[in-house]
């Protein structure tokens, strides 16, 4: 359950603007504001079941975007690779060589720009 919640939140971060206004607002209230289905139902003046259906539909839509575009997967892979590069740089930097340390610093600055 928690993994799915994190996955859906990440998908929403990437693709939320592609949802309808109502779906996006329901997702925002549920995932960011932590409102219950009942609270969202009151906000929209609809049933809890309608909120549940809207959230499930939005989740399905977000997953279909990811299947087609793979932005989240690419982001996660890039973050993993950057982390591995940083570990290797840290090991190089522990060598004590001033020239190597300067190059490591320059590479780390470049990695910071890539992460933006």
N, C-alpha and C. Protein backbone atom coordinates (compact mmCIF):
# COMPACT_ATOMS: atom_id res chain seq x y z
N UNK A 1 0.83 -1.21 0.00
CA UNK A 1 0.00 0.00 0.00
C UNK A 1 0.86 1.25 0.00
N UNK A 2 1.85 1.31 0.93
CA UNK A 2 2.70 2.50 1.03
C UNK A 2 3.50 2.72 -0.24
N UNK A 3 4.03 1.63 -0.81
CA UNK A 3 4.79 1.73 -2.06
C UNK A 3 3.92 2.29 -3.15
N UNK A 4 2.69 1.80 -3.24
CA UNK A 4 1.77 2.27 -4.26
C UNK A 4 1.46 3.76 -4.06
N UNK A 5 1.29 4.17 -2.81
CA UNK A 5 1.01 5.57 -2.51
C UNK A 5 2.19 6.45 -2.95
N UNK A 6 3.40 5.99 -2.67
CA UNK A 6 4.58 6.74 -3.09
C UNK A 6 4.68 6.79 -4.62
N UNK A 7 4.40 5.67 -5.25
CA UNK A 7 4.45 5.60 -6.72
C UNK A 7 3.45 6.57 -7.34
N UNK A 8 2.23 6.55 -6.83
CA UNK A 8 1.18 7.42 -7.38
C UNK A 8 1.53 8.89 -7.13
N UNK A 9 2.08 9.19 -5.96
CA UNK A 9 2.48 10.57 -5.67
C UNK A 9 3.57 11.04 -6.63
N UNK A 10 4.51 10.17 -6.92
CA UNK A 10 5.58 10.51 -7.86
C UNK A 10 5.02 10.69 -9.27
N UNK A 11 4.13 9.80 -9.67
CA UNK A 11 3.48 9.95 -10.98
C UNK A 11 2.71 11.26 -11.05
N UNK A 12 2.04 11.61 -9.96
CA UNK A 12 1.28 12.86 -9.91
C UNK A 12 2.22 14.06 -10.05
N UNK A 13 3.38 13.99 -9.41
CA UNK A 13 4.36 15.08 -9.53
C UNK A 13 4.78 15.29 -10.98
N UNK A 14 4.93 14.22 -11.72
CA UNK A 14 5.38 14.31 -13.11
C UNK A 14 4.25 14.64 -14.08
N UNK A 15 3.09 14.03 -13.88
CA UNK A 15 2.04 14.11 -14.89
C UNK A 15 0.74 14.77 -14.41
N UNK A 16 0.73 15.25 -13.19
CA UNK A 16 -0.50 15.80 -12.61
C UNK A 16 -1.14 16.91 -13.43
N UNK A 17 -0.34 17.71 -14.08
CA UNK A 17 -0.87 18.82 -14.87
C UNK A 17 -1.63 18.34 -16.11
N UNK A 18 -1.47 17.06 -16.46
CA UNK A 18 -2.15 16.51 -17.62
C UNK A 18 -3.54 15.97 -17.28
N UNK A 19 -3.86 15.90 -15.99
CA UNK A 19 -5.17 15.45 -15.55
C UNK A 19 -6.20 16.57 -15.71
N UNK A 20 -7.47 16.19 -15.68
CA UNK A 20 -8.52 17.22 -15.66
C UNK A 20 -8.39 18.00 -14.35
N UNK A 21 -8.94 19.19 -14.32
CA UNK A 21 -8.85 20.02 -13.11
C UNK A 21 -9.43 19.30 -11.90
N UNK A 22 -10.55 18.64 -12.09
CA UNK A 22 -11.20 17.95 -10.97
C UNK A 22 -10.37 16.76 -10.49
N UNK A 23 -9.85 15.98 -11.42
CA UNK A 23 -9.00 14.84 -11.04
C UNK A 23 -7.74 15.34 -10.32
N UNK A 24 -7.14 16.36 -10.87
CA UNK A 24 -5.91 16.90 -10.27
C UNK A 24 -6.19 17.42 -8.86
N UNK A 25 -7.30 18.10 -8.68
CA UNK A 25 -7.63 18.63 -7.35
C UNK A 25 -7.91 17.50 -6.36
N UNK A 26 -8.63 16.46 -6.80
CA UNK A 26 -8.90 15.32 -5.92
C UNK A 26 -7.58 14.63 -5.53
N UNK A 27 -6.69 14.46 -6.51
CA UNK A 27 -5.38 13.85 -6.22
C UNK A 27 -4.58 14.72 -5.25
N UNK A 28 -4.60 16.02 -5.47
CA UNK A 28 -3.86 16.94 -4.60
C UNK A 28 -4.38 16.86 -3.16
N UNK A 29 -5.69 16.90 -3.03
CA UNK A 29 -6.29 16.86 -1.70
C UNK A 29 -5.98 15.53 -1.00
N UNK A 30 -6.01 14.46 -1.75
CA UNK A 30 -5.79 13.14 -1.16
C UNK A 30 -4.31 12.89 -0.86
N UNK A 31 -3.44 13.21 -1.80
CA UNK A 31 -2.02 12.87 -1.65
C UNK A 31 -1.19 13.95 -0.96
N UNK A 32 -1.54 15.20 -1.16
CA UNK A 32 -0.74 16.27 -0.56
C UNK A 32 -1.35 16.81 0.73
N UNK A 33 -2.67 16.92 0.76
CA UNK A 33 -3.33 17.46 1.95
C UNK A 33 -3.77 16.35 2.91
N UNK A 34 -3.65 15.09 2.46
CA UNK A 34 -4.03 13.92 3.27
C UNK A 34 -5.48 13.95 3.73
N UNK A 35 -6.36 14.47 2.89
CA UNK A 35 -7.78 14.46 3.21
C UNK A 35 -8.34 13.06 2.95
N UNK A 36 -9.33 12.70 3.71
CA UNK A 36 -9.98 11.40 3.53
C UNK A 36 -10.94 11.48 2.34
N UNK A 37 -11.41 10.31 1.91
CA UNK A 37 -12.39 10.27 0.82
C UNK A 37 -13.65 11.05 1.21
N UNK A 38 -14.05 10.90 2.47
CA UNK A 38 -15.23 11.62 2.96
C UNK A 38 -15.05 13.13 2.94
N UNK A 39 -13.87 13.57 3.34
CA UNK A 39 -13.60 15.02 3.34
C UNK A 39 -13.57 15.58 1.92
N UNK A 40 -13.00 14.83 1.01
CA UNK A 40 -12.97 15.27 -0.39
C UNK A 40 -14.38 15.26 -0.97
N UNK A 41 -15.16 14.24 -0.61
CA UNK A 41 -16.54 14.15 -1.07
C UNK A 41 -17.34 15.37 -0.63
N UNK A 42 -17.14 15.79 0.62
CA UNK A 42 -17.82 17.00 1.11
C UNK A 42 -17.38 18.23 0.33
N UNK A 43 -16.07 18.32 0.07
CA UNK A 43 -15.51 19.46 -0.67
C UNK A 43 -16.14 19.58 -2.06
N UNK A 44 -16.33 18.44 -2.73
CA UNK A 44 -16.87 18.43 -4.10
C UNK A 44 -18.39 18.23 -4.14
N UNK A 45 -18.98 17.95 -2.98
CA UNK A 45 -20.41 17.66 -2.89
C UNK A 45 -20.79 16.47 -3.76
N UNK A 46 -20.01 15.39 -3.60
CA UNK A 46 -20.27 14.13 -4.30
C UNK A 46 -20.11 13.00 -3.29
N UNK A 47 -20.39 11.78 -3.71
CA UNK A 47 -20.28 10.63 -2.80
C UNK A 47 -18.83 10.21 -2.62
N UNK A 48 -18.59 9.47 -1.54
CA UNK A 48 -17.25 8.92 -1.31
C UNK A 48 -16.87 7.99 -2.45
N UNK A 49 -17.84 7.22 -2.94
CA UNK A 49 -17.58 6.30 -4.05
C UNK A 49 -17.16 7.05 -5.30
N UNK A 50 -17.77 8.20 -5.55
CA UNK A 50 -17.40 9.01 -6.72
C UNK A 50 -15.97 9.52 -6.57
N UNK A 51 -15.58 9.88 -5.36
CA UNK A 51 -14.20 10.33 -5.11
C UNK A 51 -13.24 9.17 -5.35
N UNK A 52 -13.58 8.01 -4.80
CA UNK A 52 -12.75 6.83 -4.97
C UNK A 52 -12.59 6.52 -6.46
N UNK A 53 -13.68 6.54 -7.19
CA UNK A 53 -13.63 6.26 -8.63
C UNK A 53 -12.79 7.29 -9.37
N UNK A 54 -12.91 8.56 -8.99
CA UNK A 54 -12.11 9.62 -9.63
C UNK A 54 -10.63 9.42 -9.36
N UNK A 55 -10.29 9.06 -8.13
CA UNK A 55 -8.88 8.82 -7.78
C UNK A 55 -8.33 7.62 -8.53
N UNK A 56 -9.11 6.54 -8.61
CA UNK A 56 -8.66 5.35 -9.32
C UNK A 56 -8.51 5.64 -10.82
N UNK A 57 -9.42 6.42 -11.36
CA UNK A 57 -9.33 6.79 -12.78
C UNK A 57 -8.10 7.65 -13.03
N UNK A 58 -7.86 8.59 -12.15
CA UNK A 58 -6.68 9.46 -12.28
C UNK A 58 -5.41 8.64 -12.16
N UNK A 59 -5.38 7.70 -11.22
CA UNK A 59 -4.21 6.83 -11.04
C UNK A 59 -3.96 6.01 -12.30
N UNK A 60 -5.01 5.47 -12.87
CA UNK A 60 -4.89 4.69 -14.11
C UNK A 60 -4.35 5.56 -15.24
N UNK A 61 -4.83 6.79 -15.32
CA UNK A 61 -4.37 7.72 -16.34
C UNK A 61 -2.89 8.05 -16.16
N UNK A 62 -2.49 8.31 -14.92
CA UNK A 62 -1.09 8.61 -14.63
C UNK A 62 -0.18 7.44 -15.01
N UNK A 63 -0.62 6.24 -14.69
CA UNK A 63 0.18 5.06 -15.03
C UNK A 63 0.28 4.87 -16.54
N UNK A 64 -0.78 5.21 -17.24
CA UNK A 64 -0.72 5.07 -18.71
C UNK A 64 0.24 6.09 -19.30
N UNK A 65 0.30 7.30 -18.71
CA UNK A 65 1.28 8.29 -19.18
C UNK A 65 2.70 7.77 -18.97
N UNK A 66 2.93 7.17 -17.81
CA UNK A 66 4.27 6.65 -17.52
C UNK A 66 4.64 5.50 -18.45
N UNK A 67 3.67 4.65 -18.76
CA UNK A 67 3.94 3.55 -19.70
C UNK A 67 4.37 4.08 -21.06
N UNK A 68 3.81 5.20 -21.46
CA UNK A 68 4.12 5.77 -22.77
C UNK A 68 5.39 6.62 -22.76
N UNK A 69 5.58 7.39 -21.68
CA UNK A 69 6.65 8.40 -21.66
C UNK A 69 7.88 8.01 -20.83
N UNK A 70 7.69 7.18 -19.84
CA UNK A 70 8.78 6.71 -18.97
C UNK A 70 9.60 7.83 -18.32
N UNK A 71 8.98 8.93 -18.01
CA UNK A 71 9.71 10.03 -17.38
C UNK A 71 10.15 9.70 -15.96
N UNK A 72 9.28 9.05 -15.21
CA UNK A 72 9.61 8.71 -13.83
C UNK A 72 10.73 7.68 -13.79
N UNK A 73 10.62 6.66 -14.62
CA UNK A 73 11.66 5.64 -14.68
C UNK A 73 13.01 6.26 -15.08
N UNK A 74 13.00 7.13 -16.06
CA UNK A 74 14.23 7.80 -16.49
C UNK A 74 14.81 8.66 -15.37
N UNK A 75 13.94 9.37 -14.67
CA UNK A 75 14.37 10.19 -13.54
C UNK A 75 15.02 9.34 -12.45
N UNK A 76 14.37 8.23 -12.10
CA UNK A 76 14.90 7.36 -11.06
C UNK A 76 16.23 6.74 -11.47
N UNK A 77 16.35 6.35 -12.72
CA UNK A 77 17.62 5.80 -13.21
C UNK A 77 18.72 6.85 -13.16
N UNK A 78 18.39 8.06 -13.57
CA UNK A 78 19.38 9.15 -13.54
C UNK A 78 19.82 9.44 -12.11
N UNK A 79 18.88 9.47 -11.19
CA UNK A 79 19.22 9.72 -9.78
C UNK A 79 20.12 8.61 -9.23
N UNK A 80 19.82 7.37 -9.60
CA UNK A 80 20.63 6.23 -9.14
C UNK A 80 22.06 6.35 -9.69
N UNK A 81 22.18 6.67 -10.97
CA UNK A 81 23.50 6.80 -11.58
C UNK A 81 24.29 7.96 -10.98
N UNK A 82 23.64 9.07 -10.74
CA UNK A 82 24.31 10.22 -10.13
C UNK A 82 24.80 9.85 -8.73
N UNK A 83 23.99 9.11 -8.00
CA UNK A 83 24.40 8.66 -6.66
C UNK A 83 25.64 7.77 -6.74
N UNK A 84 25.65 6.85 -7.70
CA UNK A 84 26.81 5.97 -7.87
C UNK A 84 28.06 6.78 -8.26
N UNK A 85 27.89 7.75 -9.13
CA UNK A 85 29.02 8.60 -9.54
C UNK A 85 29.56 9.36 -8.33
N UNK A 86 28.65 9.89 -7.50
CA UNK A 86 29.08 10.63 -6.31
C UNK A 86 29.88 9.73 -5.35
N UNK A 87 29.46 8.48 -5.21
CA UNK A 87 30.19 7.55 -4.34
C UNK A 87 31.60 7.32 -4.87
N UNK A 88 31.70 7.12 -6.18
CA UNK A 88 33.02 6.91 -6.79
C UNK A 88 33.89 8.16 -6.64
N UNK A 89 33.30 9.32 -6.82
CA UNK A 89 34.05 10.57 -6.65
C UNK A 89 34.53 10.73 -5.22
N UNK A 90 33.69 10.37 -4.29
CA UNK A 90 34.07 10.47 -2.88
C UNK A 90 35.28 9.57 -2.59
N UNK A 91 35.27 8.38 -3.17
CA UNK A 91 36.40 7.47 -2.98
C UNK A 91 37.66 8.06 -3.61
N UNK A 92 37.54 8.66 -4.79
CA UNK A 92 38.69 9.29 -5.44
C UNK A 92 39.22 10.46 -4.62
N UNK A 93 38.31 11.21 -4.06
CA UNK A 93 38.67 12.42 -3.32
C UNK A 93 39.42 12.08 -2.03
N UNK A 94 39.22 10.89 -1.50
CA UNK A 94 39.90 10.48 -0.28
C UNK A 94 41.37 10.14 -0.51
N UNK A 95 41.80 10.20 -1.75
CA UNK A 95 43.18 9.88 -2.12
C UNK A 95 44.17 10.91 -1.56
N UNK A 96 43.72 12.15 -1.38
CA UNK A 96 44.60 13.19 -0.86
C UNK A 96 45.35 13.95 -1.94
N UNK A 97 45.18 13.59 -3.18
CA UNK A 97 45.83 14.27 -4.30
C UNK A 97 45.07 15.56 -4.60
N UNK A 98 45.78 16.70 -4.52
CA UNK A 98 45.13 18.00 -4.69
C UNK A 98 44.55 18.16 -6.10
N UNK A 99 45.29 17.71 -7.10
CA UNK A 99 44.80 17.83 -8.48
C UNK A 99 43.53 17.01 -8.68
N UNK A 100 43.52 15.80 -8.14
CA UNK A 100 42.34 14.94 -8.24
C UNK A 100 41.17 15.60 -7.50
N UNK A 101 41.44 16.16 -6.32
CA UNK A 101 40.39 16.82 -5.53
C UNK A 101 39.76 17.97 -6.30
N UNK A 102 40.57 18.74 -7.02
CA UNK A 102 40.05 19.85 -7.80
C UNK A 102 39.15 19.34 -8.94
N UNK A 103 39.57 18.27 -9.58
CA UNK A 103 38.76 17.70 -10.66
C UNK A 103 37.45 17.11 -10.11
N UNK A 104 37.54 16.47 -8.96
CA UNK A 104 36.34 15.91 -8.32
C UNK A 104 35.37 17.04 -8.01
N UNK A 105 35.87 18.15 -7.47
CA UNK A 105 35.03 19.30 -7.16
C UNK A 105 34.32 19.80 -8.41
N UNK A 106 35.05 19.90 -9.51
CA UNK A 106 34.47 20.37 -10.78
C UNK A 106 33.39 19.42 -11.27
N UNK A 107 33.64 18.12 -11.18
CA UNK A 107 32.66 17.13 -11.61
C UNK A 107 31.41 17.20 -10.74
N UNK A 108 31.59 17.38 -9.43
CA UNK A 108 30.44 17.49 -8.53
C UNK A 108 29.59 18.72 -8.85
N UNK A 109 30.23 19.82 -9.21
CA UNK A 109 29.49 21.00 -9.63
C UNK A 109 28.66 20.71 -10.87
N UNK A 110 29.24 20.00 -11.81
CA UNK A 110 28.52 19.63 -13.03
C UNK A 110 27.34 18.71 -12.71
N UNK A 111 27.55 17.78 -11.79
CA UNK A 111 26.45 16.88 -11.38
C UNK A 111 25.32 17.68 -10.74
N UNK A 112 25.65 18.69 -9.97
CA UNK A 112 24.62 19.53 -9.36
C UNK A 112 23.77 20.19 -10.42
N UNK A 113 24.40 20.62 -11.52
CA UNK A 113 23.65 21.23 -12.61
C UNK A 113 22.77 20.22 -13.31
N UNK A 114 23.24 19.00 -13.45
CA UNK A 114 22.46 17.94 -14.09
C UNK A 114 21.21 17.64 -13.26
N UNK A 115 21.33 17.70 -11.95
CA UNK A 115 20.21 17.37 -11.08
C UNK A 115 19.12 18.44 -11.10
N UNK A 116 19.45 19.64 -11.54
CA UNK A 116 18.43 20.68 -11.60
C UNK A 116 17.47 20.34 -12.66
